[in-house]
N, C-alpha and C. Protein backbone atom coordinates (compact mmCIF):
# COMPACT_ATOMS: atom_id res chain seq x y z
N MET A 1 104.67 17.30 -71.79
CA MET A 1 104.21 17.02 -73.16
C MET A 1 103.70 15.59 -73.23
N ILE A 2 102.53 15.38 -73.85
CA ILE A 2 102.06 14.04 -74.13
C ILE A 2 102.41 13.70 -75.57
N SER A 3 102.38 12.43 -75.90
CA SER A 3 102.74 12.01 -77.24
C SER A 3 101.50 11.65 -78.04
N GLU A 4 101.66 11.66 -79.36
CA GLU A 4 100.56 11.24 -80.22
C GLU A 4 100.20 9.79 -79.96
N SER A 5 101.19 8.95 -79.73
CA SER A 5 100.92 7.53 -79.49
C SER A 5 100.14 7.32 -78.19
N SER A 6 100.44 8.11 -77.16
CA SER A 6 99.71 7.95 -75.90
C SER A 6 98.27 8.43 -76.05
N LEU A 7 98.06 9.48 -76.84
CA LEU A 7 96.69 9.94 -77.08
C LEU A 7 95.93 8.94 -77.94
N ASP A 8 96.59 8.38 -78.94
CA ASP A 8 95.96 7.33 -79.75
C ASP A 8 95.57 6.13 -78.89
N ALA A 9 96.39 5.81 -77.89
CA ALA A 9 96.08 4.69 -77.00
C ALA A 9 94.81 4.96 -76.20
N LEU A 10 94.59 6.21 -75.81
CA LEU A 10 93.36 6.57 -75.10
C LEU A 10 92.14 6.52 -76.01
N LEU A 11 92.35 6.83 -77.27
CA LEU A 11 91.25 6.85 -78.23
C LEU A 11 90.91 5.47 -78.77
N ALA A 12 91.89 4.57 -78.79
CA ALA A 12 91.72 3.28 -79.44
C ALA A 12 90.54 2.46 -78.92
N PRO A 13 90.25 2.42 -77.61
CA PRO A 13 89.09 1.64 -77.17
C PRO A 13 87.77 2.13 -77.74
N HIS A 14 87.73 3.38 -78.18
CA HIS A 14 86.53 3.95 -78.78
C HIS A 14 86.56 3.90 -80.30
N ARG A 15 87.56 3.24 -80.85
CA ARG A 15 87.76 3.13 -82.29
C ARG A 15 87.85 4.52 -82.94
N LEU A 16 88.64 5.37 -82.27
CA LEU A 16 88.94 6.70 -82.77
C LEU A 16 90.44 6.87 -82.88
N ALA A 17 90.88 7.90 -83.60
CA ALA A 17 92.32 8.11 -83.78
C ALA A 17 92.59 9.59 -83.97
N VAL A 18 93.83 9.98 -83.68
CA VAL A 18 94.30 11.33 -83.98
C VAL A 18 94.45 11.47 -85.49
N LEU A 19 93.83 12.49 -86.07
CA LEU A 19 93.93 12.73 -87.51
C LEU A 19 94.75 13.97 -87.84
N GLY A 20 95.36 14.54 -86.83
CA GLY A 20 96.20 15.72 -87.03
C GLY A 20 95.95 16.73 -85.93
N GLY A 21 96.77 17.76 -85.90
CA GLY A 21 96.61 18.81 -84.92
C GLY A 21 97.60 19.92 -85.17
N PHE A 22 97.52 20.95 -84.36
CA PHE A 22 98.43 22.07 -84.51
C PHE A 22 98.53 22.84 -83.20
N ALA A 23 99.61 23.57 -83.05
CA ALA A 23 99.81 24.42 -81.89
C ALA A 23 98.91 25.63 -81.98
N ALA A 24 98.27 25.96 -80.88
CA ALA A 24 97.33 27.06 -80.87
C ALA A 24 98.06 28.40 -80.81
N ALA A 25 97.58 29.36 -81.58
CA ALA A 25 98.09 30.72 -81.50
C ALA A 25 97.38 31.44 -80.37
N GLU A 26 97.98 32.48 -79.85
CA GLU A 26 97.39 33.23 -78.74
C GLU A 26 96.04 33.81 -79.16
N GLY A 27 95.02 33.52 -78.36
CA GLY A 27 93.68 34.03 -78.65
C GLY A 27 92.95 33.30 -79.75
N ASP A 28 93.56 32.25 -80.25
CA ASP A 28 93.01 31.54 -81.41
C ASP A 28 91.93 30.54 -81.03
N LEU A 29 92.07 29.95 -79.83
CA LEU A 29 91.21 28.87 -79.36
C LEU A 29 90.86 29.12 -77.90
N PRO A 30 90.08 28.23 -77.26
CA PRO A 30 89.74 28.46 -75.86
C PRO A 30 90.97 28.74 -75.00
N GLU A 31 90.80 29.62 -74.03
CA GLU A 31 91.91 30.03 -73.17
C GLU A 31 92.59 28.81 -72.54
N GLY A 32 93.90 28.83 -72.56
CA GLY A 32 94.67 27.73 -71.99
C GLY A 32 95.02 26.63 -72.96
N THR A 33 94.51 26.71 -74.20
CA THR A 33 94.79 25.67 -75.20
C THR A 33 96.20 25.84 -75.75
N ARG A 34 96.95 24.76 -75.74
CA ARG A 34 98.27 24.76 -76.37
C ARG A 34 98.27 23.97 -77.68
N THR A 35 97.40 22.95 -77.74
CA THR A 35 97.32 22.12 -78.95
C THR A 35 95.87 21.80 -79.25
N LEU A 36 95.49 21.91 -80.51
CA LEU A 36 94.18 21.43 -80.95
C LEU A 36 94.40 20.14 -81.74
N VAL A 37 93.72 19.08 -81.35
CA VAL A 37 93.85 17.77 -81.99
C VAL A 37 92.52 17.39 -82.62
N LEU A 38 92.54 17.05 -83.89
CA LEU A 38 91.34 16.58 -84.57
C LEU A 38 91.24 15.06 -84.45
N VAL A 39 90.04 14.60 -84.16
CA VAL A 39 89.81 13.19 -83.86
C VAL A 39 88.73 12.65 -84.80
N GLY A 40 88.95 11.46 -85.35
CA GLY A 40 87.97 10.86 -86.24
C GLY A 40 87.96 9.35 -86.15
N PRO A 41 87.06 8.70 -86.89
CA PRO A 41 86.92 7.26 -86.85
C PRO A 41 88.18 6.51 -87.27
N ALA A 42 88.43 5.40 -86.61
CA ALA A 42 89.49 4.46 -86.99
C ALA A 42 88.83 3.15 -87.42
N GLU A 43 89.64 2.19 -87.79
CA GLU A 43 89.11 0.89 -88.22
C GLU A 43 88.29 0.27 -87.10
N GLY A 44 87.14 -0.28 -87.45
CA GLY A 44 86.25 -0.90 -86.47
C GLY A 44 85.27 0.06 -85.84
N PHE A 45 85.25 1.31 -86.30
CA PHE A 45 84.41 2.34 -85.67
C PHE A 45 82.93 2.00 -85.74
N TRP A 46 82.44 1.60 -86.93
CA TRP A 46 81.00 1.47 -87.10
C TRP A 46 80.38 0.37 -86.24
N PRO A 47 80.90 -0.86 -86.24
CA PRO A 47 80.30 -1.87 -85.35
C PRO A 47 80.42 -1.49 -83.87
N HIS A 48 81.50 -0.83 -83.51
CA HIS A 48 81.65 -0.38 -82.12
C HIS A 48 80.56 0.63 -81.78
N LEU A 49 80.35 1.61 -82.65
CA LEU A 49 79.35 2.63 -82.40
C LEU A 49 77.96 2.02 -82.25
N LYS A 50 77.63 1.07 -83.11
CA LYS A 50 76.29 0.48 -83.09
C LYS A 50 76.03 -0.34 -81.84
N ALA A 51 77.09 -0.67 -81.09
CA ALA A 51 76.93 -1.40 -79.83
C ALA A 51 76.81 -0.48 -78.62
N GLN A 52 76.83 0.83 -78.84
CA GLN A 52 76.79 1.80 -77.75
C GLN A 52 75.36 2.18 -77.39
N PRO A 53 75.14 2.68 -76.16
CA PRO A 53 73.77 3.01 -75.72
C PRO A 53 73.10 4.10 -76.54
N GLU A 54 73.90 4.95 -77.20
CA GLU A 54 73.29 5.99 -78.02
C GLU A 54 72.60 5.46 -79.27
N TRP A 55 72.92 4.22 -79.66
CA TRP A 55 72.29 3.62 -80.85
C TRP A 55 70.94 3.05 -80.41
N ASP A 56 70.03 3.95 -80.09
CA ASP A 56 68.78 3.58 -79.44
C ASP A 56 67.54 3.94 -80.24
N GLY A 57 67.71 4.37 -81.47
CA GLY A 57 66.57 4.75 -82.30
C GLY A 57 66.19 6.21 -82.19
N ALA A 58 66.78 6.93 -81.24
CA ALA A 58 66.53 8.36 -81.11
C ALA A 58 67.41 9.12 -82.10
N PRO A 59 67.07 10.40 -82.37
CA PRO A 59 67.86 11.16 -83.36
C PRO A 59 69.31 11.37 -82.92
N ASP A 60 70.17 11.54 -83.90
CA ASP A 60 71.56 11.95 -83.73
C ASP A 60 72.40 11.03 -82.84
N PRO A 61 72.36 9.73 -83.08
CA PRO A 61 73.15 8.84 -82.22
C PRO A 61 74.65 9.05 -82.33
N VAL A 62 75.14 9.37 -83.54
CA VAL A 62 76.59 9.55 -83.73
C VAL A 62 77.06 10.79 -82.97
N ASP A 63 76.30 11.86 -83.05
CA ASP A 63 76.68 13.09 -82.37
C ASP A 63 76.57 12.92 -80.85
N ARG A 64 75.53 12.27 -80.38
CA ARG A 64 75.38 12.08 -78.93
C ARG A 64 76.51 11.23 -78.37
N TRP A 65 76.88 10.18 -79.11
CA TRP A 65 78.00 9.34 -78.67
C TRP A 65 79.29 10.14 -78.67
N SER A 66 79.52 10.92 -79.71
CA SER A 66 80.75 11.72 -79.81
C SER A 66 80.85 12.69 -78.63
N ALA A 67 79.74 13.34 -78.31
CA ALA A 67 79.75 14.30 -77.20
C ALA A 67 80.08 13.62 -75.88
N ARG A 68 79.53 12.44 -75.66
CA ARG A 68 79.81 11.72 -74.41
C ARG A 68 81.27 11.28 -74.33
N VAL A 69 81.75 10.62 -75.36
CA VAL A 69 83.08 10.02 -75.33
C VAL A 69 84.18 11.08 -75.33
N LEU A 70 84.10 12.00 -76.28
CA LEU A 70 85.15 13.02 -76.36
C LEU A 70 85.05 14.04 -75.24
N GLY A 71 83.83 14.30 -74.77
CA GLY A 71 83.68 15.19 -73.63
C GLY A 71 84.37 14.64 -72.40
N ALA A 72 84.20 13.33 -72.14
CA ALA A 72 84.84 12.71 -70.99
C ALA A 72 86.35 12.67 -71.13
N LEU A 73 86.82 12.35 -72.32
CA LEU A 73 88.27 12.29 -72.54
C LEU A 73 88.90 13.66 -72.37
N ALA A 74 88.25 14.69 -72.91
CA ALA A 74 88.78 16.04 -72.77
C ALA A 74 88.86 16.44 -71.30
N ARG A 75 87.85 16.13 -70.53
CA ARG A 75 87.88 16.46 -69.10
C ARG A 75 89.02 15.75 -68.39
N ASP A 76 89.24 14.49 -68.73
CA ASP A 76 90.33 13.73 -68.11
C ASP A 76 91.69 14.35 -68.42
N LEU A 77 91.81 14.98 -69.58
CA LEU A 77 93.08 15.59 -69.99
C LEU A 77 93.17 17.07 -69.62
N GLY A 78 92.14 17.57 -68.94
CA GLY A 78 92.14 18.97 -68.55
C GLY A 78 91.82 19.92 -69.68
N GLY A 79 91.22 19.41 -70.76
CA GLY A 79 90.94 20.23 -71.93
C GLY A 79 89.45 20.40 -72.18
N ILE A 80 89.12 20.76 -73.40
CA ILE A 80 87.75 21.03 -73.82
C ILE A 80 87.50 20.29 -75.13
N ALA A 81 86.34 19.67 -75.25
CA ALA A 81 85.95 19.03 -76.51
C ALA A 81 85.14 20.02 -77.36
N LEU A 82 85.48 20.09 -78.64
CA LEU A 82 84.78 20.94 -79.60
C LEU A 82 84.25 20.05 -80.72
N PHE A 83 83.08 20.41 -81.27
CA PHE A 83 82.41 19.50 -82.20
C PHE A 83 81.99 20.21 -83.49
N PRO A 84 81.89 19.44 -84.59
CA PRO A 84 81.46 20.02 -85.86
C PRO A 84 79.94 20.16 -85.96
N PHE A 85 79.22 19.80 -84.92
CA PHE A 85 77.77 19.91 -84.88
C PHE A 85 77.38 20.82 -83.71
N GLY A 86 76.08 21.08 -83.58
CA GLY A 86 75.61 21.87 -82.46
C GLY A 86 75.46 23.35 -82.72
N GLY A 87 75.79 23.80 -83.94
CA GLY A 87 75.66 25.22 -84.26
C GLY A 87 74.31 25.54 -84.84
N PRO A 88 74.14 26.76 -85.38
CA PRO A 88 75.19 27.78 -85.51
C PRO A 88 75.42 28.53 -84.21
N PRO A 89 76.60 29.14 -84.09
CA PRO A 89 77.73 29.11 -85.04
C PRO A 89 78.45 27.77 -84.98
N TYR A 90 79.18 27.47 -86.04
CA TYR A 90 79.92 26.22 -86.14
C TYR A 90 81.42 26.48 -86.07
N HIS A 91 82.13 25.55 -85.47
CA HIS A 91 83.59 25.66 -85.43
C HIS A 91 84.16 25.42 -86.84
N PRO A 92 85.27 26.06 -87.18
CA PRO A 92 85.83 25.97 -88.55
C PRO A 92 86.69 24.71 -88.75
N PHE A 93 86.05 23.56 -88.76
CA PHE A 93 86.80 22.30 -88.86
C PHE A 93 87.57 22.20 -90.17
N TYR A 94 87.01 22.71 -91.26
CA TYR A 94 87.72 22.63 -92.54
C TYR A 94 89.04 23.41 -92.44
N THR A 95 88.98 24.61 -91.92
CA THR A 95 90.18 25.42 -91.77
C THR A 95 91.15 24.78 -90.79
N TRP A 96 90.63 24.27 -89.70
CA TRP A 96 91.50 23.58 -88.73
C TRP A 96 92.21 22.40 -89.38
N ALA A 97 91.47 21.63 -90.18
CA ALA A 97 92.07 20.46 -90.83
C ALA A 97 93.24 20.86 -91.72
N LEU A 98 93.07 21.95 -92.48
CA LEU A 98 94.15 22.41 -93.35
C LEU A 98 95.38 22.82 -92.54
N ARG A 99 95.17 23.33 -91.34
CA ARG A 99 96.28 23.78 -90.51
C ARG A 99 97.10 22.63 -89.93
N THR A 100 96.55 21.42 -89.95
CA THR A 100 97.28 20.29 -89.36
C THR A 100 98.46 19.84 -90.19
N GLY A 101 98.46 20.10 -91.51
CA GLY A 101 99.49 19.56 -92.38
C GLY A 101 99.30 18.09 -92.68
N ARG A 102 98.12 17.55 -92.31
CA ARG A 102 97.80 16.16 -92.63
C ARG A 102 96.51 16.05 -93.45
N CYS A 103 95.88 17.17 -93.71
CA CYS A 103 94.70 17.26 -94.57
C CYS A 103 94.94 18.39 -95.57
N TRP A 104 94.39 18.22 -96.77
CA TRP A 104 94.60 19.21 -97.83
C TRP A 104 93.31 19.40 -98.62
N ASP A 105 93.27 20.48 -99.36
CA ASP A 105 92.21 20.72 -100.32
C ASP A 105 92.48 19.82 -101.53
N SER A 106 91.58 18.89 -101.81
CA SER A 106 91.77 17.95 -102.91
C SER A 106 91.40 18.58 -104.25
N PRO A 107 91.67 17.91 -105.37
CA PRO A 107 91.25 18.45 -106.68
C PRO A 107 89.76 18.71 -106.79
N VAL A 108 88.93 17.99 -106.01
CA VAL A 108 87.48 18.21 -106.04
C VAL A 108 87.02 19.10 -104.90
N ARG A 109 87.96 19.72 -104.20
CA ARG A 109 87.72 20.71 -103.16
C ARG A 109 87.35 20.09 -101.81
N LEU A 110 87.09 18.78 -101.76
CA LEU A 110 86.86 18.11 -100.48
C LEU A 110 88.19 17.93 -99.76
N LEU A 111 88.14 17.80 -98.45
CA LEU A 111 89.35 17.49 -97.71
C LEU A 111 89.85 16.10 -98.05
N VAL A 112 91.16 15.97 -98.18
CA VAL A 112 91.79 14.66 -98.35
C VAL A 112 92.83 14.50 -97.23
N HIS A 113 92.84 13.32 -96.62
CA HIS A 113 93.71 13.05 -95.47
C HIS A 113 94.84 12.12 -95.89
N GLU A 114 95.93 12.21 -95.20
CA GLU A 114 97.12 11.42 -95.54
C GLU A 114 96.86 9.92 -95.60
N SER A 115 96.02 9.38 -94.72
CA SER A 115 95.79 7.93 -94.68
C SER A 115 94.34 7.53 -94.91
N GLN A 116 93.40 8.48 -94.81
CA GLN A 116 91.99 8.16 -95.00
C GLN A 116 91.45 8.70 -96.32
N GLY A 117 92.26 9.45 -97.04
CA GLY A 117 91.84 9.96 -98.33
C GLY A 117 90.60 10.84 -98.23
N LEU A 118 89.67 10.67 -99.17
CA LEU A 118 88.45 11.48 -99.19
C LEU A 118 87.38 10.96 -98.24
N TRP A 119 87.68 9.88 -97.51
CA TRP A 119 86.75 9.39 -96.48
C TRP A 119 86.92 10.13 -95.16
N VAL A 120 87.87 11.01 -95.05
CA VAL A 120 88.16 11.63 -93.77
C VAL A 120 86.93 12.35 -93.21
N SER A 121 86.72 12.16 -91.92
CA SER A 121 85.65 12.86 -91.20
C SER A 121 86.10 13.04 -89.76
N PHE A 122 85.50 13.99 -89.10
CA PHE A 122 85.90 14.31 -87.73
C PHE A 122 84.71 14.17 -86.79
N ARG A 123 84.94 13.49 -85.69
CA ARG A 123 83.91 13.40 -84.65
C ARG A 123 84.06 14.52 -83.65
N GLY A 124 85.19 15.18 -83.65
CA GLY A 124 85.38 16.31 -82.75
C GLY A 124 86.83 16.72 -82.71
N ALA A 125 87.11 17.66 -81.84
CA ALA A 125 88.47 18.15 -81.62
C ALA A 125 88.70 18.28 -80.12
N LEU A 126 89.94 18.07 -79.71
CA LEU A 126 90.33 18.22 -78.32
C LEU A 126 91.22 19.45 -78.20
N ALA A 127 90.76 20.44 -77.45
CA ALA A 127 91.57 21.62 -77.15
C ALA A 127 92.31 21.33 -75.85
N LEU A 128 93.61 21.05 -75.96
CA LEU A 128 94.38 20.52 -74.83
C LEU A 128 95.34 21.55 -74.26
N PRO A 129 95.57 21.50 -72.94
CA PRO A 129 96.54 22.41 -72.33
C PRO A 129 97.97 21.91 -72.46
N GLN A 130 98.16 20.71 -73.03
CA GLN A 130 99.48 20.13 -73.20
C GLN A 130 100.03 20.41 -74.59
N ALA A 131 101.34 20.47 -74.68
CA ALA A 131 102.00 20.52 -75.99
C ALA A 131 102.03 19.11 -76.57
N LEU A 132 101.86 19.02 -77.87
CA LEU A 132 101.84 17.71 -78.54
C LEU A 132 102.56 17.85 -79.87
N ASP A 133 103.53 17.00 -80.11
CA ASP A 133 104.29 17.03 -81.35
C ASP A 133 103.53 16.26 -82.42
N LEU A 134 103.03 16.97 -83.44
CA LEU A 134 102.24 16.36 -84.50
C LEU A 134 102.85 16.78 -85.83
N PRO A 135 103.85 16.06 -86.32
CA PRO A 135 104.53 16.47 -87.55
C PRO A 135 103.62 16.36 -88.76
N PRO A 136 103.82 17.20 -89.77
CA PRO A 136 103.01 17.13 -91.00
C PRO A 136 103.38 15.91 -91.83
N ALA A 137 102.60 15.68 -92.88
CA ALA A 137 102.81 14.53 -93.76
C ALA A 137 102.89 15.01 -95.21
N ALA A 138 103.12 14.07 -96.12
CA ALA A 138 103.19 14.40 -97.54
C ALA A 138 101.79 14.37 -98.15
N ARG A 139 101.49 15.35 -98.97
CA ARG A 139 100.17 15.45 -99.61
C ARG A 139 99.99 14.32 -100.62
N PRO A 140 98.96 13.46 -100.44
CA PRO A 140 98.81 12.30 -101.32
C PRO A 140 98.40 12.66 -102.74
N CYS A 141 97.86 13.86 -102.96
CA CYS A 141 97.43 14.25 -104.31
C CYS A 141 98.61 14.56 -105.23
N ASP A 142 99.76 14.86 -104.65
CA ASP A 142 100.92 15.18 -105.47
C ASP A 142 101.35 13.93 -106.25
N GLY A 143 101.33 14.02 -107.55
CA GLY A 143 101.68 12.88 -108.39
C GLY A 143 100.53 11.93 -108.67
N CYS A 144 99.36 12.21 -108.12
CA CYS A 144 98.19 11.34 -108.35
C CYS A 144 97.51 11.72 -109.65
N ALA A 145 96.95 10.74 -110.35
CA ALA A 145 96.25 10.98 -111.61
C ALA A 145 94.88 11.61 -111.41
N ALA A 146 94.46 11.78 -110.15
CA ALA A 146 93.20 12.44 -109.78
C ALA A 146 91.97 11.79 -110.40
N PRO A 147 91.75 10.49 -110.16
CA PRO A 147 90.53 9.86 -110.66
C PRO A 147 89.27 10.46 -110.04
N CYS A 148 89.41 11.17 -108.93
CA CYS A 148 88.26 11.81 -108.29
C CYS A 148 87.59 12.83 -109.22
N LEU A 149 88.37 13.44 -110.12
CA LEU A 149 87.84 14.51 -110.96
C LEU A 149 86.79 14.03 -111.96
N THR A 150 86.83 12.78 -112.33
CA THR A 150 85.92 12.26 -113.35
C THR A 150 85.01 11.15 -112.81
N ALA A 151 84.98 10.94 -111.50
CA ALA A 151 84.26 9.80 -110.94
C ALA A 151 82.76 10.03 -110.82
N CYS A 152 82.32 11.28 -110.71
CA CYS A 152 80.89 11.54 -110.55
C CYS A 152 80.18 11.35 -111.89
N PRO A 153 79.16 10.50 -111.96
CA PRO A 153 78.48 10.23 -113.23
C PRO A 153 77.78 11.44 -113.83
N VAL A 154 77.43 12.41 -112.99
CA VAL A 154 76.70 13.58 -113.50
C VAL A 154 77.49 14.87 -113.32
N GLY A 155 78.75 14.76 -112.96
CA GLY A 155 79.58 15.94 -112.81
C GLY A 155 79.19 16.86 -111.67
N ALA A 156 78.51 16.31 -110.67
CA ALA A 156 78.07 17.15 -109.55
C ALA A 156 79.23 17.55 -108.65
N LEU A 157 80.31 16.78 -108.69
CA LEU A 157 81.46 17.06 -107.84
C LEU A 157 82.72 16.93 -108.69
N GLY A 158 83.42 18.07 -108.85
CA GLY A 158 84.60 18.08 -109.69
C GLY A 158 85.45 19.28 -109.39
N ALA A 159 86.25 19.68 -110.36
CA ALA A 159 87.19 20.79 -110.15
C ALA A 159 86.48 22.10 -109.85
N GLY A 160 85.26 22.24 -110.34
CA GLY A 160 84.52 23.47 -110.11
C GLY A 160 83.81 23.54 -108.78
N GLY A 161 83.94 22.49 -107.97
CA GLY A 161 83.27 22.47 -106.67
C GLY A 161 82.11 21.50 -106.65
N TYR A 162 81.16 21.73 -105.77
CA TYR A 162 80.10 20.79 -105.49
C TYR A 162 78.75 21.39 -105.85
N ASP A 163 78.07 20.78 -106.81
CA ASP A 163 76.73 21.17 -107.20
C ASP A 163 75.76 20.30 -106.41
N VAL A 164 75.33 20.78 -105.25
CA VAL A 164 74.51 19.97 -104.35
C VAL A 164 73.16 19.60 -104.97
N PRO A 165 72.43 20.52 -105.61
CA PRO A 165 71.16 20.12 -106.24
C PRO A 165 71.34 19.01 -107.28
N ALA A 166 72.42 19.07 -108.07
CA ALA A 166 72.65 18.03 -109.07
C ALA A 166 72.93 16.69 -108.39
N CYS A 167 73.63 16.72 -107.26
CA CYS A 167 73.89 15.50 -106.51
C CYS A 167 72.59 14.88 -106.02
N HIS A 168 71.73 15.69 -105.42
CA HIS A 168 70.45 15.17 -104.92
C HIS A 168 69.59 14.64 -106.06
N ALA A 169 69.61 15.31 -107.20
CA ALA A 169 68.83 14.84 -108.35
C ALA A 169 69.34 13.46 -108.80
N TRP A 170 70.66 13.28 -108.79
CA TRP A 170 71.23 11.98 -109.16
C TRP A 170 70.82 10.91 -108.16
N LEU A 171 70.85 11.23 -106.89
CA LEU A 171 70.48 10.26 -105.86
C LEU A 171 69.00 9.91 -105.94
N ASP A 172 68.19 10.86 -106.38
CA ASP A 172 66.75 10.57 -106.57
C ASP A 172 66.50 9.62 -107.73
N GLY A 173 67.44 9.62 -108.69
CA GLY A 173 67.24 8.81 -109.88
C GLY A 173 68.14 7.60 -109.93
N GLY A 174 69.32 7.75 -110.53
CA GLY A 174 70.19 6.59 -110.76
C GLY A 174 71.30 6.40 -109.76
N GLY A 175 71.22 7.05 -108.61
CA GLY A 175 72.35 7.02 -107.67
C GLY A 175 72.32 5.94 -106.62
N ALA A 176 71.74 4.78 -106.94
CA ALA A 176 71.63 3.71 -105.94
C ALA A 176 73.00 3.26 -105.43
N GLU A 177 74.00 3.22 -106.32
CA GLU A 177 75.33 2.76 -105.90
C GLU A 177 75.95 3.73 -104.89
N CYS A 178 75.73 5.01 -105.09
CA CYS A 178 76.24 6.00 -104.13
C CYS A 178 75.52 5.86 -102.80
N LEU A 179 74.21 5.67 -102.84
CA LEU A 179 73.45 5.55 -101.61
C LEU A 179 73.84 4.30 -100.82
N ALA A 180 74.17 3.24 -101.52
CA ALA A 180 74.47 1.97 -100.85
C ALA A 180 75.88 1.90 -100.30
N GLY A 181 76.83 2.58 -100.96
CA GLY A 181 78.22 2.42 -100.53
C GLY A 181 79.01 3.69 -100.38
N GLY A 182 78.35 4.84 -100.55
CA GLY A 182 79.05 6.11 -100.42
C GLY A 182 79.38 6.72 -101.77
N CYS A 183 79.67 7.99 -101.75
CA CYS A 183 79.96 8.80 -102.93
C CYS A 183 81.05 8.16 -103.80
N LEU A 184 80.77 8.05 -105.11
CA LEU A 184 81.73 7.45 -106.03
C LEU A 184 83.01 8.28 -106.14
N VAL A 185 82.91 9.58 -105.95
CA VAL A 185 84.09 10.43 -105.99
C VAL A 185 85.01 10.11 -104.81
N ARG A 186 84.45 10.02 -103.63
CA ARG A 186 85.25 9.67 -102.45
C ARG A 186 85.87 8.29 -102.60
N ARG A 187 85.12 7.37 -103.19
CA ARG A 187 85.61 6.00 -103.36
C ARG A 187 86.70 5.90 -104.41
N ALA A 188 86.73 6.85 -105.35
CA ALA A 188 87.72 6.80 -106.43
C ALA A 188 89.13 7.14 -105.96
N CYS A 189 89.25 7.86 -104.87
CA CYS A 189 90.57 8.28 -104.36
C CYS A 189 91.40 7.05 -104.02
N PRO A 190 92.62 6.92 -104.54
CA PRO A 190 93.46 5.76 -104.23
C PRO A 190 93.73 5.59 -102.73
N VAL A 191 93.84 6.70 -102.01
CA VAL A 191 94.07 6.58 -100.56
C VAL A 191 92.80 6.10 -99.88
N SER A 192 91.65 6.57 -100.31
CA SER A 192 90.37 6.10 -99.75
C SER A 192 90.25 4.58 -99.87
N GLN A 193 90.73 4.05 -101.00
CA GLN A 193 90.58 2.62 -101.25
C GLN A 193 91.40 1.76 -100.30
N GLY A 194 92.41 2.36 -99.68
CA GLY A 194 93.21 1.63 -98.71
C GLY A 194 92.75 1.79 -97.28
N TYR A 195 91.65 2.55 -97.07
CA TYR A 195 91.15 2.81 -95.74
C TYR A 195 89.94 1.93 -95.48
N ALA A 196 89.92 1.24 -94.35
CA ALA A 196 88.88 0.23 -94.07
C ALA A 196 87.61 0.88 -93.54
N ARG A 197 86.92 1.60 -94.39
CA ARG A 197 85.62 2.17 -94.03
C ARG A 197 84.53 1.27 -94.56
N MET A 198 83.58 0.89 -93.68
CA MET A 198 82.53 -0.04 -94.07
C MET A 198 81.48 0.65 -94.94
N PRO A 199 81.03 -0.01 -96.01
CA PRO A 199 79.96 0.56 -96.84
C PRO A 199 78.72 0.91 -96.03
N GLU A 200 78.43 0.15 -94.98
CA GLU A 200 77.26 0.42 -94.14
C GLU A 200 77.36 1.80 -93.48
N GLN A 201 78.57 2.17 -93.06
CA GLN A 201 78.77 3.48 -92.46
C GLN A 201 78.51 4.59 -93.48
N SER A 202 79.05 4.40 -94.68
CA SER A 202 78.84 5.40 -95.73
C SER A 202 77.37 5.49 -96.11
N ALA A 203 76.68 4.35 -96.17
CA ALA A 203 75.26 4.35 -96.52
C ALA A 203 74.45 5.10 -95.48
N TYR A 204 74.79 4.95 -94.22
CA TYR A 204 74.08 5.67 -93.16
C TYR A 204 74.22 7.18 -93.35
N HIS A 205 75.44 7.63 -93.59
CA HIS A 205 75.65 9.07 -93.74
C HIS A 205 75.03 9.60 -95.04
N MET A 206 74.98 8.78 -96.09
CA MET A 206 74.30 9.20 -97.30
C MET A 206 72.81 9.37 -97.04
N ARG A 207 72.22 8.50 -96.23
CA ARG A 207 70.80 8.65 -95.89
C ARG A 207 70.55 9.92 -95.10
N GLN A 208 71.48 10.26 -94.21
CA GLN A 208 71.31 11.49 -93.44
C GLN A 208 71.42 12.71 -94.34
N PHE A 209 72.29 12.62 -95.33
CA PHE A 209 72.46 13.72 -96.28
C PHE A 209 71.27 13.86 -97.22
N HIS A 210 70.77 12.73 -97.71
CA HIS A 210 69.75 12.73 -98.75
C HIS A 210 68.41 12.29 -98.16
N ARG A 211 67.80 13.19 -97.43
CA ARG A 211 66.48 12.88 -96.87
C ARG A 211 65.61 14.13 -96.89
């Protein structure tokens, strides 16, 4: 058995971290998998990424970097790297995240993570042949006043789900603050506010979304 701390130590030079995982059921994941671990950005991720060879002006630098780094790490551990891109078909990362016990369906239906709040994102997953103890955490939405429910100026994201056309219409008009620093709903989450995600990173992903 490997430990979460030892896996985090392998991820740390790449400014990545374990965001949760679960024991694989028989036939559920690639053959030989005992644990699926979800991996995402840690503090310092964005400046580190921009210093990598994939940041070369060609398309999809984040995905290309993720494939290289997590692919190599998975091979070193005797496992397989799985990614939220490259489909269709696409791997069910949302469902996997819920199975970890460290991510939940938030009041606005987006995933919320124990320490990253509504900023949570995944660069990939490691399907490992080793057992790994990954205990669940407490859901941060319990007892929260849910400021996320009223943070969207046009109601594009709320209890009823996500109105994507309304979001794009807002970004075309008065949504400069969202474009510059990320979605106001994600930023409203109290847990998100304690996570050191750079506005530049959020602005990049908003540009990829709204183009």
